[in-house]
Amino acid sequence: MKNNQLHLLAAVMAGKGITHVVVSPGSRNAPAIVVFNRQPGLSLFSISDERSAGFYALGMAQQLNRPVALLCTSGSAALNYAPAIVEAFYQKVPLLIITADRPEAWIDQGDSQTIRQRNVFSDYVRKSYNLPDNINEQDDYRYFERSVSEAIDRTLFPASGPVHINLPLSEPLYDIEWPADAVQTRSPGIAGTSIRVDETEMSRIADIWNSSASKMILAGQMLPDAEINHLLEQLSDDPSVTLLTETTSNITIQSSISCIDRTIEAMDANEMELLKPTVLLTIGGAVVSKKIKALLRKMRPQHHWHVSADTDEFHMDTYQSLTLTIPAQTHAFLSQLMGKRIPHNSHFGQSWMDRSSKCAGKHLEFLRSMPFCDLSVYETLFREMPANGHLHLGNSTPVRYAQLFDEASQFISWSNRGTSGIDGCVSTAAGASAICHQPLTVITGDVGFFYDSNALWNSNLSPLLRIILINNGGGNIFRVIPGPDNFEELEPFIETAHNLDVEGIVRNFGLNYHQAHNQEELNQALPAFFAAQENSKAALLEIFTPNKLSADVLKEYFNFIAS
């Protein structure tokens, strides 16, 4: 039967629980689009720009916490998935990437729209599969079904991440024959497990933990998890423990120190000695704060334990003090530790809280007298945003500013911190908003928005999506981080200053547009921006801020905190 492998591929995907497929138009993948669209259980979302499509699928998979499929045509279309695939790999998001291809005999033969696609993403996927372009025998059928089944399972086990299927298709492409009956599959599955630490080893770990008077838990990027949240709350209810979190940790514990950068700004040698942990326990993914990385590399805790069931993270020594990798699932290890912990009488946790409270007081004092700038805009946004929604923070300044405000921790937060690139933040948020069915606000800078403006070229945008674009005329992060502002090349080559028209782009794609140039206009614009739109369209709010003043105010802020 012509293209019988497509019917089997679609049936296995649906049978293994894939429900969402993001497709981009093309010729070589058109037969697969037709078959997928007629497969019960699969819902297709068409996005023309493959780079945006990749991030859209990433946002969907973040919300679903199960694999979302991508499908594109052959040639350079596949390479446009690369930024989203890399982000998914380092953030451990399950994606099934399907790239249509020419049969092997036509590779490097001068045929159009043909490149070397086999293993093209090999460094950034859990595994790659090159499927046969036809199924003629029962053994072929079984091999094809088993390969697709394994590929889907590999997106989740032993750790989540992207998997690549390269799908050669022979011509004629559109001569599709349809089976008389539904395709029957018998795909093997994977049993769920909970990876725990051996009890003897756990007792040794607990002995060190219980005998230490100074322990720090540092939580990186994580999905919202009520069980982990509860276990951390119990573990941190110990005078010898301090819990440091970030907005993207999605930890809602009042006693945690959620504004790390302002808390640790300009520690002197005596404070470093007082606040140095003997045991550092790290969980979750990427940590935003460069300051805490630098501080812990100076402190060099005696014990640094990193919890991760992902073999790619074994011996990942971010803080240059790693002594033990704990290859377990986070909730399982925390539960084991909680069952053996004995609170230690110590002033360590309170010392961290005292410093945090002192810096929080200075934070509020500074905010009362600052002019209209980036910092004042973020203060207003985190105070006025609907508390029941999701927040997606773009790179690079939005996610950093968010770490300065306690109010930012009230939202379910997301950010592309796997590789921390500015590409794709609006597309990722758009994909997430298609799934979460709650208000979702993405905050992006102007350069990040222009880089991803094709995110608006999408007929699937949720009316609950709100895009806040802070336009300070270029890459203002380079006026904040030490170094680039010392060179004359800053403005013409590094900052990417511009006078581009955002409103024209937004109107062209049919979204609602709002703008604000000062505090009064911002206060007036926010209620209407967050309200339900009469035309049921997504909306964008452009906030114009002064670039040089904003950078100067942020530097003054940290100087004031440190004084």
Protein backbone atom coordinates (compact mmCIF):
# COMPACT_ATOMS: atom_id res chain seq x y z
CA MET A 1 0.00 0.00 0.00
CA LYS A 2 1.39 3.43 -0.99
CA ASN A 3 2.54 5.52 2.02
CA ASN A 4 1.40 2.78 4.41
CA GLN A 5 4.15 3.84 6.82
CA LEU A 6 2.36 7.17 7.35
CA HIS A 7 -0.82 5.45 8.54
CA LEU A 8 1.22 3.32 10.92
CA LEU A 9 3.17 6.35 12.17
CA ALA A 10 -0.03 8.27 12.86
CA ALA A 11 -1.68 5.31 14.60
CA VAL A 12 1.32 4.68 16.87
CA MET A 13 1.54 8.38 17.77
CA ALA A 14 -2.13 8.49 18.75
CA GLY A 15 -1.89 5.15 20.56
CA LYS A 16 1.08 6.37 22.61
CA GLY A 17 -0.80 9.44 23.83
CA ILE A 18 0.39 12.20 21.49
CA THR A 19 -2.50 14.58 20.90
CA HIS A 20 -0.93 17.80 19.56
CA VAL A 21 1.03 18.08 16.31
CA VAL A 22 2.48 21.40 15.13
CA VAL A 23 2.95 21.34 11.35
CA SER A 24 4.46 23.74 8.85
CA PRO A 25 3.40 23.82 5.19
CA GLY A 26 5.56 21.99 2.66
CA SER A 27 5.50 19.54 -0.20
CA ARG A 28 7.56 16.63 1.09
CA ASN A 29 5.63 16.52 4.38
CA ALA A 30 2.20 17.16 2.82
CA PRO A 31 1.18 13.46 2.70
CA ALA A 32 1.97 13.16 6.42
CA ILE A 33 -0.11 16.29 7.14
CA VAL A 34 -3.07 14.75 5.32
CA VAL A 35 -2.77 11.42 7.15
CA PHE A 36 -2.18 13.03 10.56
CA ASN A 37 -5.17 15.33 10.11
CA ARG A 38 -7.46 12.35 9.49
CA GLN A 39 -6.07 10.27 12.37
CA PRO A 40 -8.52 10.21 15.34
CA GLY A 41 -6.88 11.65 18.44
CA LEU A 42 -4.42 13.98 16.69
CA SER A 43 -5.05 17.75 16.61
CA LEU A 44 -3.00 19.78 14.13
CA PHE A 45 -1.78 23.36 14.51
CA SER A 46 -0.37 24.98 11.36
CA ILE A 47 2.44 27.54 11.72
CA SER A 48 4.31 28.63 8.61
CA ASP A 49 7.63 29.67 10.16
CA GLU A 50 9.43 26.53 11.38
CA ARG A 51 11.53 28.42 13.93
CA SER A 52 8.39 29.87 15.53
CA ALA A 53 6.63 26.50 15.19
CA GLY A 54 9.39 24.79 17.16
CA PHE A 55 9.03 27.18 20.08
CA TYR A 56 5.23 27.04 19.88
CA ALA A 57 5.42 23.26 20.33
CA LEU A 58 7.90 23.79 23.18
CA GLY A 59 5.38 26.00 25.01
CA MET A 60 2.65 23.41 24.49
CA ALA A 61 4.83 20.59 25.82
CA GLN A 62 5.82 22.66 28.88
CA GLN A 63 2.17 22.97 29.80
CA LEU A 64 1.14 19.41 28.94
CA ASN A 65 4.26 17.81 30.44
CA ARG A 66 4.05 15.19 27.72
CA PRO A 67 5.40 15.04 24.16
CA VAL A 68 4.16 17.32 21.40
CA ALA A 69 5.04 16.43 17.80
CA LEU A 70 6.55 18.70 15.15
CA LEU A 71 6.38 18.03 11.42
CA CYS A 72 8.18 19.89 8.64
CA THR A 73 9.28 19.43 5.06
CA SER A 74 12.79 18.53 3.93
CA GLY A 75 15.85 20.73 3.55
CA SER A 76 16.59 23.91 5.50
CA ALA A 77 13.11 23.80 7.07
CA ALA A 78 14.42 21.16 9.49
CA LEU A 79 17.37 23.34 10.53
CA ASN A 80 14.98 26.10 11.59
CA TYR A 81 13.82 23.81 14.40
CA ALA A 82 17.32 23.83 15.91
CA PRO A 83 16.95 26.72 18.42
CA ALA A 84 13.80 25.21 19.93
CA ILE A 85 15.32 21.72 19.97
CA VAL A 86 18.39 22.95 21.85
CA GLU A 87 16.17 24.77 24.37
CA ALA A 88 14.05 21.65 24.83
CA PHE A 89 17.15 19.51 25.31
CA TYR A 90 18.61 21.64 28.10
CA GLN A 91 15.22 22.33 29.68
CA LYS A 92 14.18 18.65 29.41
CA VAL A 93 10.97 19.27 27.47
CA PRO A 94 9.58 16.29 25.49
CA LEU A 95 9.31 16.97 21.75
CA LEU A 96 8.94 14.49 18.89
CA ILE A 97 10.55 16.11 15.84
CA ILE A 98 9.53 14.56 12.51
CA THR A 99 11.37 15.78 9.43
CA ALA A 100 10.24 14.62 6.00
CA ASP A 101 13.12 13.69 3.69
CA ARG A 102 14.08 12.26 0.30
CA PRO A 103 14.93 8.55 0.20
CA GLU A 104 18.58 7.84 1.02
CA ALA A 105 19.46 7.23 -2.64
CA TRP A 106 18.72 10.89 -3.46
CA ILE A 107 20.90 12.50 -0.79
CA ASP A 108 23.85 14.47 -2.29
CA GLN A 109 22.53 13.88 -5.82
CA GLY A 110 21.68 17.49 -6.65
CA ASP A 111 17.96 17.06 -6.01
CA SER A 112 16.19 20.19 -4.81
CA GLN A 113 15.44 20.89 -1.16
CA THR A 114 17.65 18.03 -0.03
CA ILE A 115 20.31 18.11 2.68
CA ARG A 116 21.94 15.54 4.97
CA GLN A 117 19.18 15.15 7.55
CA ARG A 118 20.16 11.85 9.15
CA ASN A 119 21.32 12.60 12.73
CA VAL A 120 21.27 16.33 11.97
CA PHE A 121 20.35 17.15 15.60
CA SER A 122 22.46 14.38 17.15
CA ASP A 123 24.11 16.51 19.86
CA TYR A 124 20.82 17.91 21.12
CA VAL A 125 18.32 15.05 21.07
CA ARG A 126 17.90 11.98 23.26
CA LYS A 127 18.11 9.78 20.18
CA SER A 128 17.72 9.93 16.38
CA TYR A 129 15.82 7.49 14.17
CA ASN A 130 16.00 7.20 10.38
CA LEU A 131 12.93 5.27 9.28
CA PRO A 132 12.60 3.15 6.14
CA ASP A 133 10.79 4.81 3.24
CA ASN A 134 8.57 1.81 2.61
CA ILE A 135 7.11 -1.19 4.41
CA ASN A 136 6.96 -4.35 2.31
CA GLU A 137 7.32 -7.27 4.73
CA GLN A 138 5.95 -8.09 8.17
CA ASP A 139 9.43 -7.62 9.63
CA ASP A 140 9.55 -4.12 8.11
CA TYR A 141 6.18 -3.35 9.68
CA ARG A 142 7.31 -4.56 13.10
CA TYR A 143 10.62 -2.69 12.89
CA PHE A 144 8.90 0.55 11.89
CA GLU A 145 6.29 0.28 14.66
CA ARG A 146 8.91 -0.59 17.28
CA SER A 147 11.16 2.30 16.22
CA VAL A 148 8.38 4.88 16.41
CA SER A 149 7.20 3.50 19.74
CA GLU A 150 10.71 3.67 21.16
CA ALA A 151 11.18 7.21 19.83
CA ILE A 152 8.07 8.44 21.63
CA ASP A 153 9.04 6.72 24.88
CA ARG A 154 12.53 8.23 24.62
CA THR A 155 11.02 11.71 24.86
CA LEU A 156 10.15 10.86 28.49
CA PHE A 157 12.49 8.09 29.67
CA PRO A 158 14.97 7.96 31.31
CA ALA A 159 14.75 11.78 31.20
CA SER A 160 12.51 14.06 29.16
CA GLY A 161 13.79 15.75 26.03
CA PRO A 162 13.52 15.98 22.25
CA VAL A 163 13.79 12.96 19.92
CA HIS A 164 14.26 13.14 16.14
CA ILE A 165 12.54 10.96 13.55
CA ASN A 166 13.76 11.41 9.98
CA LEU A 167 11.06 10.22 7.59
CA PRO A 168 12.08 9.50 3.97
CA LEU A 169 9.13 9.58 1.57
CA SER A 170 9.20 8.32 -2.01
CA GLU A 171 7.44 9.93 -4.95
CA PRO A 172 4.73 10.17 -6.12
CA LEU A 173 3.94 11.86 -2.81
CA TYR A 174 0.23 12.42 -3.15
CA ASP A 175 -0.84 8.99 -4.34
CA ILE A 176 -2.11 8.06 -0.89
CA GLU A 177 -3.98 4.80 -0.46
CA TRP A 178 -6.27 4.46 2.52
CA PRO A 179 -6.67 1.26 4.54
CA ALA A 180 -10.13 -0.26 4.65
CA ASP A 181 -9.97 -0.56 8.45
CA ALA A 182 -8.26 1.34 11.23
CA VAL A 183 -4.57 0.48 11.55
CA GLN A 184 -4.00 -1.89 14.45
CA THR A 185 -0.88 -1.34 16.57
CA ARG A 186 0.79 -3.34 19.28
CA SER A 187 3.42 -0.91 20.50
CA PRO A 188 5.53 -1.81 23.53
CA GLY A 189 5.43 0.61 26.43
CA ILE A 190 7.61 1.71 29.36
CA ALA A 191 6.62 1.08 32.98
CA GLY A 192 6.68 4.10 35.28
CA THR A 193 9.32 4.07 38.00
CA SER A 194 10.39 6.18 40.94
CA ILE A 195 14.18 6.42 41.20
CA ARG A 196 15.32 6.48 44.84
CA VAL A 197 18.62 6.41 46.69
CA ASP A 198 19.86 3.18 48.24
CA GLU A 199 18.99 3.14 51.96
CA THR A 200 22.59 2.63 53.12
CA GLU A 201 23.77 5.56 51.05
CA MET A 202 20.77 7.61 52.16
CA SER A 203 21.69 7.06 55.80
CA ARG A 204 25.21 8.35 55.12
CA ILE A 205 23.79 11.44 53.38
CA ALA A 206 21.36 12.06 56.23
CA ASP A 207 24.14 11.81 58.83
CA ILE A 208 26.06 14.61 57.08
CA TRP A 209 22.88 16.67 56.70
CA ASN A 210 21.83 16.31 60.34
CA SER A 211 25.27 17.09 61.72
CA SER A 212 25.67 20.28 59.71
CA ALA A 213 24.72 23.62 61.26
CA SER A 214 24.60 25.47 57.91
CA LYS A 215 22.68 24.07 54.94
CA MET A 216 21.50 25.79 51.78
CA ILE A 217 18.93 24.46 49.30
CA LEU A 218 19.12 26.23 45.94
CA ALA A 219 16.20 25.57 43.58
CA GLY A 220 16.61 26.21 39.86
CA GLN A 221 13.97 26.17 37.14
CA MET A 222 11.20 23.65 37.81
CA LEU A 223 7.65 22.89 36.79
CA PRO A 224 5.02 23.68 39.43
CA ASP A 225 4.91 20.67 41.75
CA ALA A 226 2.78 20.66 44.91
CA GLU A 227 4.60 17.66 46.39
CA ILE A 228 8.07 19.19 45.97
CA ASN A 229 6.75 22.49 47.31
CA HIS A 230 5.41 20.75 50.43
CA LEU A 231 8.62 18.78 51.04
CA LEU A 232 10.78 21.90 50.70
CA GLU A 233 8.54 23.75 53.11
CA GLN A 234 9.07 20.98 55.68
CA LEU A 235 12.82 20.73 55.11
CA SER A 236 13.33 24.49 55.36
CA ASP A 237 11.45 24.58 58.68
CA ASP A 238 14.80 24.01 60.36
CA PRO A 239 16.99 26.75 61.89
CA SER A 240 20.05 25.39 60.07
CA VAL A 241 18.49 25.58 56.58
CA THR A 242 18.05 28.44 54.15
CA LEU A 243 16.03 27.98 50.94
CA LEU A 244 16.93 30.11 47.93
CA THR A 245 14.48 30.19 45.01
CA GLU A 246 13.84 32.14 41.84
CA THR A 247 10.71 33.12 39.97
CA THR A 248 11.23 30.22 37.57
CA SER A 249 11.55 27.74 40.46
CA ASN A 250 7.77 27.94 40.94
CA ILE A 251 8.21 27.49 44.70
CA THR A 252 5.59 29.29 46.80
CA ILE A 253 7.07 29.19 50.30
CA GLN A 254 6.89 32.41 52.25
CA SER A 255 10.09 31.73 54.20
CA SER A 256 12.19 31.20 51.08
CA ILE A 257 14.57 33.87 49.84
CA SER A 258 13.12 34.54 46.40
CA CYS A 259 15.09 37.68 45.50
CA ILE A 260 18.64 36.32 45.50
CA ASP A 261 20.48 39.10 43.66
CA ARG A 262 19.39 41.91 45.93
CA THR A 263 19.99 39.76 49.04
CA ILE A 264 23.60 38.88 48.25
CA GLU A 265 24.68 42.17 46.68
CA ALA A 266 28.11 43.34 47.93
CA MET A 267 28.65 40.85 50.76
CA ASP A 268 31.84 41.56 52.69
CA ALA A 269 34.25 38.87 53.89
CA ASN A 270 32.71 38.62 57.37
CA GLU A 271 29.20 38.18 55.95
CA MET A 272 30.42 35.57 53.50
CA GLU A 273 31.91 33.57 56.35
CA LEU A 274 28.71 33.89 58.41
CA LEU A 275 26.43 32.90 55.51
CA LYS A 276 28.60 30.19 53.97
CA PRO A 277 26.85 26.79 53.86
CA THR A 278 28.61 23.60 54.84
CA VAL A 279 26.13 21.66 52.68
CA LEU A 280 24.76 22.97 49.38
CA LEU A 281 21.84 20.98 47.95
CA THR A 282 20.86 21.96 44.40
CA ILE A 283 17.68 20.83 42.65
CA GLY A 284 15.95 21.73 39.42
CA GLY A 285 17.35 23.21 36.24
CA ALA A 286 19.02 26.45 35.27
CA VAL A 287 19.62 29.22 37.81
CA VAL A 288 19.22 32.78 36.52
CA SER A 289 21.40 34.59 39.04
CA LYS A 290 25.00 35.04 37.97
CA LYS A 291 25.66 36.61 41.36
CA ILE A 292 24.81 33.45 43.33
CA LYS A 293 26.99 31.37 41.00
CA ALA A 294 29.93 33.70 41.58
CA LEU A 295 29.31 33.82 45.34
CA LEU A 296 29.12 30.05 45.80
CA ARG A 297 32.27 29.56 43.72
CA LYS A 298 34.01 31.80 46.25
CA MET A 299 32.40 30.15 49.28
CA ARG A 300 33.24 26.59 48.16
CA PRO A 301 30.83 24.61 50.40
CA GLN A 302 32.35 21.50 51.96
CA HIS A 303 29.57 19.35 50.46
CA HIS A 304 27.68 20.07 47.27
CA TRP A 305 24.99 17.56 46.33
CA HIS A 306 23.16 17.86 43.03
CA VAL A 307 19.92 15.90 42.54
CA SER A 308 19.17 14.77 38.99
CA ALA A 309 17.98 11.54 37.41
CA ASP A 310 19.34 12.73 34.05
CA THR A 311 22.63 11.03 33.19
CA ASP A 312 23.63 14.09 31.12
CA GLU A 313 23.88 16.04 34.37
CA PHE A 314 26.16 13.65 36.22
CA HIS A 315 29.20 15.60 37.50
CA MET A 316 27.76 18.94 36.36
CA ASP A 317 29.87 21.17 38.61
CA THR A 318 28.26 24.61 38.21
CA TYR A 319 29.57 25.92 41.55
CA GLN A 320 32.99 24.23 41.39
CA SER A 321 32.40 22.36 44.63
CA LEU A 322 30.46 19.26 43.57
CA THR A 323 31.04 16.28 45.85
CA LEU A 324 28.06 14.05 45.07
CA THR A 325 25.57 13.53 42.25
CA ILE A 326 22.33 12.03 43.52
CA PRO A 327 20.73 10.16 40.58
CA ALA A 328 17.17 10.23 41.87
CA GLN A 329 13.93 11.97 41.12
CA THR A 330 13.69 15.18 43.11
CA HIS A 331 10.48 14.42 44.99
CA ALA A 332 11.71 10.90 45.87
CA PHE A 333 15.02 12.14 47.29
CA LEU A 334 13.44 15.00 49.26
CA SER A 335 10.92 12.54 50.72
CA GLN A 336 13.72 10.18 51.76
CA LEU A 337 15.70 13.03 53.31
CA MET A 338 12.64 14.34 55.11
CA GLY A 339 12.09 10.91 56.64
CA LYS A 340 15.58 10.97 58.19
CA ARG A 341 16.19 14.63 58.96
CA ILE A 342 16.73 15.92 62.48
CA PRO A 343 16.47 19.73 62.88
CA HIS A 344 19.70 21.35 64.01
CA ASN A 345 19.78 24.25 66.49
CA SER A 346 21.53 26.99 64.55
CA HIS A 347 21.35 30.70 63.64
CA PHE A 348 22.21 30.06 59.99
CA GLY A 349 18.71 30.27 58.55
CA GLN A 350 17.87 33.37 60.58
CA SER A 351 21.09 35.09 59.50
CA TRP A 352 20.06 34.69 55.87
CA MET A 353 16.54 35.93 56.65
CA ASP A 354 17.92 38.99 58.49
CA ARG A 355 20.01 39.96 55.50
CA SER A 356 17.09 39.35 53.15
CA SER A 357 14.79 41.54 55.27
CA LYS A 358 17.36 44.34 55.43
CA CYS A 359 17.77 44.35 51.65
CA ALA A 360 13.99 44.17 51.13
CA GLY A 361 13.62 47.34 53.22
CA LYS A 362 16.19 49.14 51.10
CA HIS A 363 14.46 47.85 47.97
CA LEU A 364 11.17 49.47 49.00
CA GLU A 365 12.92 52.68 50.00
CA PHE A 366 14.61 52.99 46.61
CA LEU A 367 11.38 52.33 44.69
CA ARG A 368 9.63 55.25 46.36
CA SER A 369 11.87 57.85 44.71
CA MET A 370 12.86 56.41 41.32
CA PRO A 371 11.88 58.03 38.00
CA PHE A 372 9.96 56.37 35.18
CA CYS A 373 12.30 53.71 33.80
CA ASP A 374 12.55 49.94 33.26
CA LEU A 375 12.69 49.23 37.01
CA SER A 376 9.58 51.31 37.76
CA VAL A 377 7.72 49.60 34.91
CA TYR A 378 8.45 46.12 36.30
CA GLU A 379 7.38 47.25 39.77
CA THR A 380 4.04 48.40 38.31
CA LEU A 381 3.55 45.28 36.19
CA PHE A 382 4.13 42.76 38.99
CA ARG A 383 1.79 44.75 41.22
CA GLU A 384 -1.02 45.13 38.67
CA MET A 385 -0.95 41.86 36.69
CA PRO A 386 -3.86 39.45 37.33
CA ALA A 387 -2.69 37.10 40.08
CA ASN A 388 -4.42 34.01 38.66
CA GLY A 389 -2.42 33.89 35.44
CA HIS A 390 0.79 32.51 34.01
CA LEU A 391 3.89 34.59 33.39
CA HIS A 392 6.45 33.96 30.65
CA LEU A 393 9.66 35.94 31.04
CA GLY A 394 11.75 36.69 27.99
CA ASN A 395 15.52 36.83 27.92
CA SER A 396 17.56 38.69 28.77
CA THR A 397 16.47 41.67 30.92
CA PRO A 398 12.86 40.60 31.74
CA VAL A 399 13.85 37.42 33.56
CA ARG A 400 16.59 39.29 35.45
CA TYR A 401 14.34 42.15 36.57
CA ALA A 402 11.75 39.64 37.79
CA GLN A 403 14.23 38.25 40.32
CA LEU A 404 14.23 41.61 42.14
CA PHE A 405 10.53 41.56 43.06
CA ASP A 406 8.85 39.32 45.65
CA GLU A 407 5.55 39.94 43.84
CA ALA A 408 6.80 38.04 40.76
CA SER A 409 6.73 34.79 42.73
CA GLN A 410 2.92 34.80 42.89
CA PHE A 411 2.66 33.71 39.24
CA ILE A 412 3.24 30.34 37.60
CA SER A 413 6.39 31.32 35.75
CA TRP A 414 8.12 30.10 32.61
CA SER A 415 11.21 31.17 30.73
CA ASN A 416 13.51 29.74 28.06
CA ARG A 417 16.44 29.34 30.44
CA GLY A 418 17.75 26.10 28.97
CA THR A 419 20.08 28.06 26.70
CA SER A 420 18.90 31.56 27.71
CA GLY A 421 18.58 32.82 24.13
CA ILE A 422 16.30 35.71 23.20
CA ASP A 423 14.84 33.83 20.23
CA GLY A 424 11.40 32.30 20.56
CA CYS A 425 10.07 33.70 23.83
CA VAL A 426 6.82 35.04 22.31
CA SER A 427 6.30 31.88 20.25
CA THR A 428 6.83 29.71 23.35
CA ALA A 429 4.34 31.79 25.30
CA ALA A 430 1.85 31.55 22.42
CA GLY A 431 2.09 27.75 22.48
CA ALA A 432 1.68 27.68 26.24
CA SER A 433 -1.39 29.94 26.11
CA ALA A 434 -3.05 27.53 23.66
CA ILE A 435 -2.96 24.88 26.37
CA CYS A 436 -3.26 26.51 29.79
CA HIS A 437 -6.69 28.18 29.20
CA GLN A 438 -5.76 30.89 31.71
CA PRO A 439 -4.51 34.44 31.16
CA LEU A 440 -0.86 34.25 30.11
CA THR A 441 1.35 37.32 30.01
CA VAL A 442 4.71 37.34 28.26
CA ILE A 443 7.15 40.16 28.99
CA THR A 444 9.74 40.71 26.29
CA GLY A 445 12.28 43.30 25.30
CA ASP A 446 12.14 45.02 21.96
CA VAL A 447 15.05 43.12 20.38
CA GLY A 448 13.63 39.78 21.53
CA PHE A 449 10.24 40.73 20.08
CA PHE A 450 11.60 41.71 16.67
CA TYR A 451 13.68 38.54 16.59
CA ASP A 452 10.49 36.52 17.12
CA SER A 453 7.85 38.74 15.49
CA ASN A 454 6.70 35.83 13.31
CA ALA A 455 5.16 34.48 16.50
CA LEU A 456 2.20 36.70 15.54
CA TRP A 457 1.94 34.99 12.13
CA ASN A 458 -0.25 32.39 13.70
CA SER A 459 -3.98 31.76 13.42
CA ASN A 460 -3.95 29.81 16.70
CA LEU A 461 -3.19 32.70 19.07
CA SER A 462 -5.29 32.49 22.22
CA PRO A 463 -7.40 35.56 23.09
CA LEU A 464 -6.02 35.13 26.63
CA LEU A 465 -2.45 35.90 25.45
CA ARG A 466 -1.06 39.25 26.56
CA ILE A 467 2.30 40.49 25.24
CA ILE A 468 4.09 43.26 27.11
CA LEU A 469 6.92 44.76 25.07
CA ILE A 470 9.31 47.05 26.94
CA ASN A 471 10.85 49.20 24.23
CA ASN A 472 14.00 50.97 25.35
CA GLY A 473 15.34 51.28 21.83
CA GLY A 474 17.79 48.37 21.75
CA GLY A 475 19.58 45.69 23.74
CA ASN A 476 19.73 47.60 27.01
CA ILE A 477 21.21 44.62 28.85
CA PHE A 478 24.58 45.63 27.39
CA ARG A 479 24.40 48.92 29.30
CA VAL A 480 23.83 46.99 32.52
CA ILE A 481 26.30 44.10 32.46
CA PRO A 482 29.91 45.12 33.11
CA GLY A 483 32.11 45.60 30.06
CA PRO A 484 30.27 46.51 26.81
CA ASP A 485 29.45 50.10 27.86
CA ASN A 486 33.17 50.89 27.98
CA PHE A 487 33.56 50.62 24.21
CA GLU A 488 32.56 52.95 21.37
CA GLU A 489 31.23 49.91 19.49
CA LEU A 490 28.35 49.62 21.99
CA GLU A 491 25.73 51.60 20.08
CA PRO A 492 26.47 50.74 16.44
CA PHE A 493 27.31 47.04 16.84
CA ILE A 494 26.35 45.61 20.24
CA GLU A 495 23.26 47.39 21.53
CA THR A 496 21.36 47.11 18.20
CA ALA A 497 19.64 50.47 18.55
CA HIS A 498 16.62 50.92 16.27
CA ASN A 499 13.60 53.05 15.37
CA LEU A 500 11.38 50.21 14.19
CA ASP A 501 7.58 50.47 14.30
CA VAL A 502 6.03 47.83 16.53
CA GLU A 503 2.47 49.06 16.07
CA GLY A 504 2.60 48.43 12.32
CA ILE A 505 3.67 44.82 12.86
CA VAL A 506 0.98 44.23 15.47
CA ARG A 507 -1.80 45.80 13.40
CA ASN A 508 -0.68 43.81 10.34
CA PHE A 509 -1.25 40.55 12.22
CA GLY A 510 -4.61 41.71 13.60
CA LEU A 511 -3.81 41.94 17.32
CA ASN A 512 -5.06 44.65 19.64
CA TYR A 513 -2.45 47.32 20.33
CA HIS A 514 -1.92 49.54 23.39
CA GLN A 515 0.95 51.85 24.30
CA ALA A 516 2.34 53.89 27.20
CA HIS A 517 5.11 56.52 27.31
CA ASN A 518 5.04 57.44 31.01
CA GLN A 519 3.73 56.27 34.38
CA GLU A 520 0.34 57.96 34.00
CA GLU A 521 -0.27 56.39 30.59
CA LEU A 522 0.87 53.00 31.91
CA ASN A 523 -1.57 53.17 34.82
CA GLN A 524 -4.38 54.05 32.42
CA ALA A 525 -3.48 51.39 29.83
CA LEU A 526 -3.16 48.33 32.07
CA PRO A 527 -6.85 47.77 33.03
CA ALA A 528 -8.01 47.85 29.41
CA PHE A 529 -5.04 45.77 28.27
CA PHE A 530 -5.69 42.95 30.74
CA ALA A 531 -9.48 43.05 30.29
CA ALA A 532 -11.22 40.69 27.88
CA GLN A 533 -11.00 42.12 24.36
CA GLU A 534 -14.29 42.69 22.55
CA ASN A 535 -12.94 41.19 19.34
CA SER A 536 -11.52 38.11 21.13
CA LYS A 537 -7.97 38.80 19.97
CA ALA A 538 -4.64 38.62 21.73
CA ALA A 539 -3.23 42.01 22.73
CA LEU A 540 0.15 43.72 22.90
CA LEU A 541 1.14 46.62 25.15
CA GLU A 542 4.22 48.59 24.08
CA ILE A 543 5.87 50.52 26.91
CA PHE A 544 8.48 53.09 25.88
CA THR A 545 11.28 53.58 28.42
CA PRO A 546 14.52 55.63 28.36
CA ASN A 547 17.49 53.34 27.71
CA LYS A 548 20.40 55.23 29.29
CA LEU A 549 18.37 56.35 32.31
CA SER A 550 17.05 52.82 32.86
CA ALA A 551 20.58 51.40 32.93
CA ASP A 552 21.78 54.15 35.28
CA VAL A 553 18.85 53.61 37.66
CA LEU A 554 19.52 49.86 37.89
CA LYS A 555 23.17 50.50 38.73
CA GLU A 556 22.10 53.05 41.37
CA TYR A 557 19.65 50.50 42.75
CA PHE A 558 22.35 47.92 43.44
CA ASN A 559 24.67 50.58 44.86
CA PHE A 560 21.88 51.64 47.22
CA ILE A 561 21.17 48.04 48.28
CA ALA A 562 24.86 47.54 49.02
CA SER A 563 25.27 50.77 51.01
